[in-house]
Amino acid sequence: MRGEFYVVDRSEVVLTTLLGSCVAACLRDPQARVGGMNHFLLPGTLGAARQDAERYGVHLMELLVNGLLARGAQRQRLEAKLFGGARTLEGLSDIGALNAEFAKGFLRHEGIAVVGGDLGGERGRRIEYWPVSGRARQALLKGDPGLAAPAPPPPPSGAVEFF
């Protein structure tokens, strides 16, 4: 589900995703009985049109909110749960924290209440979300090398690095 979003109004649907440093926003309107989830890789701003816009939270958050509104949700009734944003690799920039801060800031700016979730930590997560009821279940992963970019290989021995 990376770089995607879904909006549904059927109570039997469960949306599932795996998260490392990525963040999933789970939003719903309990009165309209519609909800959805997105999964973004980077917070980002889209200044100019981008070919890879689906990777960025700013794009996917707008798509999710607009998708809910198109299905009868009202902005003032929306509630959110946020998951992910782990620091999966030591020594690299903490993109998980940046993703989490972006998501919280976006929702605050839009006036959407955050009613639950789990952000940060050092482990990946498997998230199951029932959009109509708002129920969410999280399982922490024991090891998630596939959820973060691999560490760069060490330079060959005897190599010289020029600046």
C-alpha atoms as a PDB file:
ATOM      1  CA  MET A   1       0.000   0.000   0.000  1.00  0.00           C
ATOM      2  CA  ARG A   2       3.053   2.316  -0.045  1.00  0.00           C
ATOM      3  CA  GLY A   3       2.249   5.564  -1.788  1.00  0.00           C
ATOM      4  CA  GLU A   4      -1.472   4.816  -1.946  1.00  0.00           C
ATOM      5  CA  PHE A   5      -4.729   5.693  -0.221  1.00  0.00           C
ATOM      6  CA  TYR A   6      -8.110   3.994   0.030  1.00  0.00           C
ATOM      7  CA  VAL A   7     -11.533   5.279   1.059  1.00  0.00           C
ATOM      8  CA  VAL A   8     -14.327   2.821   1.861  1.00  0.00           C
ATOM      9  CA  ASP A   9     -17.832   2.784   3.296  1.00  0.00           C
ATOM     10  CA  ARG A  10     -18.279  -0.971   3.791  1.00  0.00           C
ATOM     11  CA  SER A  11     -18.014  -2.248   7.369  1.00  0.00           C
ATOM     12  CA  GLU A  12     -16.455  -5.595   6.408  1.00  0.00           C
ATOM     13  CA  VAL A  13     -13.385  -4.001   4.786  1.00  0.00           C
ATOM     14  CA  VAL A  14     -10.071  -4.112   6.661  1.00  0.00           C
ATOM     15  CA  LEU A  15      -7.135  -2.075   5.337  1.00  0.00           C
ATOM     16  CA  THR A  16      -3.670  -3.436   6.136  1.00  0.00           C
ATOM     17  CA  THR A  17      -0.172  -2.059   5.696  1.00  0.00           C
ATOM     18  CA  LEU A  18       3.392  -2.529   6.934  1.00  0.00           C
ATOM     19  CA  LEU A  19       5.236   0.519   8.231  1.00  0.00           C
ATOM     20  CA  GLY A  20       8.809   1.362   9.124  1.00  0.00           C
ATOM     21  CA  SER A  21       9.716   5.046   8.882  1.00  0.00           C
ATOM     22  CA  CYS A  22       6.617   5.610   6.726  1.00  0.00           C
ATOM     23  CA  VAL A  23       3.407   6.916   8.287  1.00  0.00           C
ATOM     24  CA  ALA A  24      -0.165   5.750   7.757  1.00  0.00           C
ATOM     25  CA  ALA A  25      -3.001   8.143   8.513  1.00  0.00           C
ATOM     26  CA  CYS A  26      -6.310   6.443   9.292  1.00  0.00           C
ATOM     27  CA  LEU A  27      -9.227   8.887   9.031  1.00  0.00           C
ATOM     28  CA  ARG A  28     -12.974   8.468   9.342  1.00  0.00           C
ATOM     29  CA  ASP A  29     -16.250  10.271   9.778  1.00  0.00           C
ATOM     30  CA  PRO A  30     -18.217   8.176  12.289  1.00  0.00           C
ATOM     31  CA  GLN A  31     -21.549   9.753  11.365  1.00  0.00           C
ATOM     32  CA  ALA A  32     -21.182   9.296   7.590  1.00  0.00           C
ATOM     33  CA  ARG A  33     -19.715   5.796   8.219  1.00  0.00           C
ATOM     34  CA  VAL A  34     -16.861   6.314   5.786  1.00  0.00           C
ATOM     35  CA  GLY A  35     -13.138   6.075   6.388  1.00  0.00           C
ATOM     36  CA  GLY A  36      -9.798   5.471   4.776  1.00  0.00           C
ATOM     37  CA  MET A  37      -6.070   5.068   5.090  1.00  0.00           C
ATOM     38  CA  ASN A  38      -2.980   6.340   3.328  1.00  0.00           C
ATOM     39  CA  HIS A  39       0.691   5.322   3.519  1.00  0.00           C
ATOM     40  CA  PHE A  40       3.343   7.907   2.733  1.00  0.00           C
ATOM     41  CA  LEU A  41       7.112   7.606   2.549  1.00  0.00           C
ATOM     42  CA  LEU A  42       8.245  11.236   2.878  1.00  0.00           C
ATOM     43  CA  PRO A  43       6.635  14.407   4.256  1.00  0.00           C
ATOM     44  CA  GLY A  44       7.707  16.704   1.433  1.00  0.00           C
ATOM     45  CA  THR A  45       6.291  19.682  -0.289  1.00  0.00           C
ATOM     46  CA  LEU A  46       5.303  19.577  -3.888  1.00  0.00           C
ATOM     47  CA  GLY A  47       6.141  23.144  -5.000  1.00  0.00           C
ATOM     48  CA  ALA A  48       6.251  22.097  -8.649  1.00  0.00           C
ATOM     49  CA  ALA A  49       4.403  19.152 -10.165  1.00  0.00           C
ATOM     50  CA  ARG A  50       6.281  15.935  -9.484  1.00  0.00           C
ATOM     51  CA  GLN A  51       6.233  12.553 -11.165  1.00  0.00           C
ATOM     52  CA  ASP A  52       6.601  10.834  -7.764  1.00  0.00           C
ATOM     53  CA  ALA A  53       3.948  12.828  -5.854  1.00  0.00           C
ATOM     54  CA  GLU A  54       2.376   9.641  -4.451  1.00  0.00           C
ATOM     55  CA  ARG A  55       5.396   9.181  -2.165  1.00  0.00           C
ATOM     56  CA  TYR A  56       4.736  12.432  -0.298  1.00  0.00           C
ATOM     57  CA  GLY A  57       2.495  13.005   2.682  1.00  0.00           C
ATOM     58  CA  VAL A  58       1.373  16.425   1.529  1.00  0.00           C
ATOM     59  CA  HIS A  59      -0.140  14.811  -1.585  1.00  0.00           C
ATOM     60  CA  LEU A  60      -1.587  11.683   0.032  1.00  0.00           C
ATOM     61  CA  MET A  61      -3.114  13.537   2.987  1.00  0.00           C
ATOM     62  CA  GLU A  62      -4.981  15.851   0.607  1.00  0.00           C
ATOM     63  CA  LEU A  63      -6.159  12.901  -1.495  1.00  0.00           C
ATOM     64  CA  LEU A  64      -7.413  11.038   1.580  1.00  0.00           C
ATOM     65  CA  VAL A  65      -9.300  14.013   3.018  1.00  0.00           C
ATOM     66  CA  ASN A  66     -10.806  14.907  -0.369  1.00  0.00           C
ATOM     67  CA  GLY A  67     -11.753  11.258  -0.966  1.00  0.00           C
ATOM     68  CA  LEU A  68     -13.621  11.180   2.341  1.00  0.00           C
ATOM     69  CA  LEU A  69     -15.391  14.468   1.608  1.00  0.00           C
ATOM     70  CA  ALA A  70     -16.441  13.140  -1.812  1.00  0.00           C
ATOM     71  CA  ARG A  71     -18.046  10.145  -0.052  1.00  0.00           C
ATOM     72  CA  GLY A  72     -20.155  12.332   2.251  1.00  0.00           C
ATOM     73  CA  ALA A  73     -17.814  12.966   5.184  1.00  0.00           C
ATOM     74  CA  GLN A  74     -17.716  16.408   6.757  1.00  0.00           C
ATOM     75  CA  ARG A  75     -14.356  17.896   7.710  1.00  0.00           C
ATOM     76  CA  GLN A  76     -15.449  18.947  11.217  1.00  0.00           C
ATOM     77  CA  ARG A  77     -16.440  15.346  12.058  1.00  0.00           C
ATOM     78  CA  LEU A  78     -13.232  13.695  10.852  1.00  0.00           C
ATOM     79  CA  GLU A  79     -11.060  11.886  13.379  1.00  0.00           C
ATOM     80  CA  ALA A  80      -7.629  10.381  12.856  1.00  0.00           C
ATOM     81  CA  LYS A  81      -5.270   7.702  14.085  1.00  0.00           C
ATOM     82  CA  LEU A  82      -1.590   7.889  13.113  1.00  0.00           C
ATOM     83  CA  PHE A  83       0.873   5.001  12.975  1.00  0.00           C
ATOM     84  CA  GLY A  84       4.497   4.503  11.970  1.00  0.00           C
ATOM     85  CA  GLY A  85       7.350   6.961  11.898  1.00  0.00           C
ATOM     86  CA  ALA A  86       9.913   4.562  13.367  1.00  0.00           C
ATOM     87  CA  ARG A  87      13.637   5.237  13.395  1.00  0.00           C
ATOM     88  CA  THR A  88      14.648   2.084  11.567  1.00  0.00           C
ATOM     89  CA  LEU A  89      18.332   2.780  10.888  1.00  0.00           C
ATOM     90  CA  GLU A  90      20.869   4.289  13.266  1.00  0.00           C
ATOM     91  CA  GLY A  91      23.143   6.994  11.949  1.00  0.00           C
ATOM     92  CA  LEU A  92      20.850   8.164   9.156  1.00  0.00           C
ATOM     93  CA  SER A  93      18.469  11.100   9.240  1.00  0.00           C
ATOM     94  CA  ASP A  94      15.343  10.379  11.237  1.00  0.00           C
ATOM     95  CA  ILE A  95      12.832  10.469   8.380  1.00  0.00           C
ATOM     96  CA  GLY A  96      10.320   8.661  10.610  1.00  0.00           C
ATOM     97  CA  ALA A  97      10.223  11.586  13.043  1.00  0.00           C
ATOM     98  CA  LEU A  98       9.872  14.034  10.146  1.00  0.00           C
ATOM     99  CA  ASN A  99       6.969  11.996   8.732  1.00  0.00           C
ATOM    100  CA  ALA A 100       5.261  11.860  12.141  1.00  0.00           C
ATOM    101  CA  GLU A 101       5.657  15.600  12.736  1.00  0.00           C
ATOM    102  CA  PHE A 102       4.343  16.371   9.264  1.00  0.00           C
ATOM    103  CA  ALA A 103       1.225  14.217   9.785  1.00  0.00           C
ATOM    104  CA  LYS A 104       0.448  15.743  13.188  1.00  0.00           C
ATOM    105  CA  GLY A 105       0.984  19.259  11.845  1.00  0.00           C
ATOM    106  CA  PHE A 106      -1.185  18.641   8.790  1.00  0.00           C
ATOM    107  CA  LEU A 107      -4.070  17.360  10.921  1.00  0.00           C
ATOM    108  CA  ARG A 108      -3.701  20.212  13.423  1.00  0.00           C
ATOM    109  CA  HIS A 109      -3.783  22.741  10.558  1.00  0.00           C
ATOM    110  CA  GLU A 110      -6.892  21.083   9.090  1.00  0.00           C
ATOM    111  CA  GLY A 111      -8.658  20.950  12.477  1.00  0.00           C
ATOM    112  CA  ILE A 112      -8.849  17.137  12.458  1.00  0.00           C
ATOM    113  CA  ALA A 113      -8.662  15.519  15.908  1.00  0.00           C
ATOM    114  CA  VAL A 114      -6.100  12.778  16.488  1.00  0.00           C
ATOM    115  CA  VAL A 115      -7.874  10.187  18.658  1.00  0.00           C
ATOM    116  CA  GLY A 116      -5.269   7.432  18.704  1.00  0.00           C
ATOM    117  CA  GLY A 117      -2.330   5.696  17.117  1.00  0.00           C
ATOM    118  CA  ASP A 118       1.331   5.019  17.815  1.00  0.00           C
ATOM    119  CA  LEU A 119       4.256   6.964  16.357  1.00  0.00           C
ATOM    120  CA  GLY A 120       8.019   6.625  16.704  1.00  0.00           C
ATOM    121  CA  GLY A 121      10.066   3.892  18.279  1.00  0.00           C
ATOM    122  CA  GLU A 122      12.613   1.702  16.556  1.00  0.00           C
ATOM    123  CA  ARG A 123      10.475  -1.124  15.190  1.00  0.00           C
ATOM    124  CA  GLY A 124       8.224  -1.508  12.220  1.00  0.00           C
ATOM    125  CA  ARG A 125       4.516  -2.199  12.550  1.00  0.00           C
ATOM    126  CA  ARG A 126       1.746  -4.106  10.850  1.00  0.00           C
ATOM    127  CA  ILE A 127      -1.466  -2.082  10.954  1.00  0.00           C
ATOM    128  CA  GLU A 128      -5.006  -3.323  10.411  1.00  0.00           C
ATOM    129  CA  TYR A 129      -7.702  -0.655  10.229  1.00  0.00           C
ATOM    130  CA  TRP A 130     -11.467  -1.022   9.963  1.00  0.00           C
ATOM    131  CA  PRO A 131     -12.357   2.376   8.434  1.00  0.00           C
ATOM    132  CA  VAL A 132     -16.083   2.376   9.149  1.00  0.00           C
ATOM    133  CA  SER A 133     -15.822   1.459  12.848  1.00  0.00           C
ATOM    134  CA  GLY A 134     -12.477   3.159  13.457  1.00  0.00           C
ATOM    135  CA  ARG A 135     -11.027   0.054  15.083  1.00  0.00           C
ATOM    136  CA  ALA A 136      -7.266  -0.325  14.623  1.00  0.00           C
ATOM    137  CA  ARG A 137      -4.875  -3.111  15.553  1.00  0.00           C
ATOM    138  CA  GLN A 138      -1.091  -2.852  15.603  1.00  0.00           C
ATOM    139  CA  ALA A 139       1.542  -5.581  15.792  1.00  0.00           C
ATOM    140  CA  LEU A 140       5.168  -4.564  16.286  1.00  0.00           C
ATOM    141  CA  LEU A 141       7.576  -6.408  14.010  1.00  0.00           C
ATOM    142  CA  LYS A 142      10.631  -8.220  15.348  1.00  0.00           C
ATOM    143  CA  GLY A 143      12.860  -7.169  12.486  1.00  0.00           C
ATOM    144  CA  ASP A 144      11.964  -5.170   9.430  1.00  0.00           C
ATOM    145  CA  PRO A 145      14.907  -4.851   7.060  1.00  0.00           C
ATOM    146  CA  GLY A 146      12.545  -4.587   4.102  1.00  0.00           C
ATOM    147  CA  LEU A 147      10.780  -1.535   5.500  1.00  0.00           C
ATOM    148  CA  ALA A 148      13.729   0.824   5.442  1.00  0.00           C
ATOM    149  CA  ALA A 149      16.311   1.651   2.857  1.00  0.00           C
ATOM    150  CA  PRO A 150      19.316  -0.642   3.200  1.00  0.00           C
ATOM    151  CA  ALA A 151      22.467   0.792   4.706  1.00  0.00           C
ATOM    152  CA  PRO A 152      25.092   1.662   2.104  1.00  0.00           C
ATOM    153  CA  PRO A 153      27.787  -0.989   1.687  1.00  0.00           C
ATOM    154  CA  PRO A 154      31.138  -0.266   3.313  1.00  0.00           C
ATOM    155  CA  PRO A 155      33.824   1.036   0.956  1.00  0.00           C
ATOM    156  CA  PRO A 156      36.250  -1.573  -0.360  1.00  0.00           C
ATOM    157  CA  SER A 157      39.295  -1.972   1.860  1.00  0.00           C
ATOM    158  CA  GLY A 158      42.188   0.219   0.815  1.00  0.00           C
ATOM    159  CA  ALA A 159      39.847   2.647  -0.971  1.00  0.00           C
ATOM    160  CA  VAL A 160      40.580   6.353  -0.840  1.00  0.00           C
ATOM    161  CA  GLU A 161      37.751   8.865  -0.563  1.00  0.00           C
ATOM    162  CA  PHE A 162      38.303  12.268  -2.170  1.00  0.00           C
ATOM    163  CA  PHE A 163      36.409  15.356  -1.059  1.00  0.00           C
END
